[in-house]
């Protein structure tokens, strides 16, 4: 593929900055699934990355890069240009902690208890206008400044933080080539009726200012197309995936994100990973069930713990021979809904251990911390991997873990995870709300004949290796070129 000039736009960027004790500036490589996945772009194309300033030192860098982006290098040495955008702190708080999370996240993962929440009051509507709209405008203005420098560059927006930005760029630069990729589920049209009509129309109109909109699965694509018709009255060709609105077409494509298999397999040799593998092996019982998640309500951790308790109740022969290792990364603890959920997770784990533990056996080992090497070690050692998300745009754990597993581990996978569309035939499928079914799937995974376990794991690995992140990137640029890219 020929090198392209690209402007990538996301809320979080591939690098953040702090000050060391000696006063020197210290770059910190960005984490998270999106940044990790997009690193492939940096190797293959000439990228200017625009993102929000997150730290105090980021804001200093933002001031320094207002006229000229900063030259940075990825972990593999690939060069890229970084432009950070500083927002008013109150505006960013409203954007992130009131609108993007939890409001839009809860809509798109269908988490709201509609009988009691959400409420749209003056505070919420002000957070939309003074926060979400303002931050989107700031990032759009940064894009326009880059397009003024390089009008032929293609613009790639990412995720639910930036639904309005494509429309703001399109209004000022009608000939810009714009794609927007949505990494979260796109629910059915009725789910969007939680939002007041002006807000949901603004979201749909914003993304339809793009030439191409990408989602991870055919399921989310179908929901998005129907939503365009019902929300905006747009002309929709569902077979071709083309929406015509406001005098212009937008192509909607399903492009499932993936990982870099060589990178993950190479991480197995890291001494920090091996040390944690050794620690797990020294303490594990005969069977190890693993879950690796953020402490997000959409991940369905509490029901997973209840399913494990039901497994121990229905199959007492497993007591003392099995352990659930839960490696959870604390998520968005500044938001009350997330703080409350982590409290519920801890409470459920304590209940399981109080009910079943004893004689030196810890049924449920809950570890709440950010330790990537420990997660990789868990991938190596699991016999069953539980991914029971309520809804998930994709879920990369389901793709990462089989690459490293050394025990013919079985994937237990929610039918509402985007990964199920690709991996479901090689996994044990569960309904995320059916605790009994999850318990029996875990039992089936642990008692499955060795040959069948290995066959399933080999099939998962083969799929991920063939459908890697490079293929995902290539597919998106192909879609953009097909509608007349630069």
Foldseek 3Di string as FASTA:
>chain_A
DAAAEAEEEEADEQWAWDADPVGDIDIDGDDDDVNQLCVVSLVRYAYEYEYEHDDPVSVVQLVVPVQPFDWDAHPVGRIYGYHYFYDDVVLQCLLVQQPLPPNVVCLQLVPDPVVPDDDDDPSNVCNVVSHLVRVLLRRLVSVVSVCVVPVQHAYEYEADSRLQNLVNNCVVNVPHAYEYEHFWAQDAQVSVVSDPLVVVLSSLVSRQSHQEYEFAALVSLQRNQNNCCVNPVWDGDSVQQWTDDPHDIHHYYHFHAAHALVVLLVCCPPPLLVVLLVVCVVPFAQAEEEEEEELDVQQLLLLQLVLLLVLCVVCVVCQVRYAYEYEYEYPDCVHVVSVVSVVSNVVSLVVSCVVRNDPSDRRYHYDYHDDVSNLSSCLQDHLEYERLGSAGSADHCLLSSLSRHDQLHAYEHEPRHSNCVPLVVLHNYDHSVDSNSSNVSVVCSNPPDSVSSNVSSVVSNVSSNVSDSVVSVVVVVVSSVVSPRD
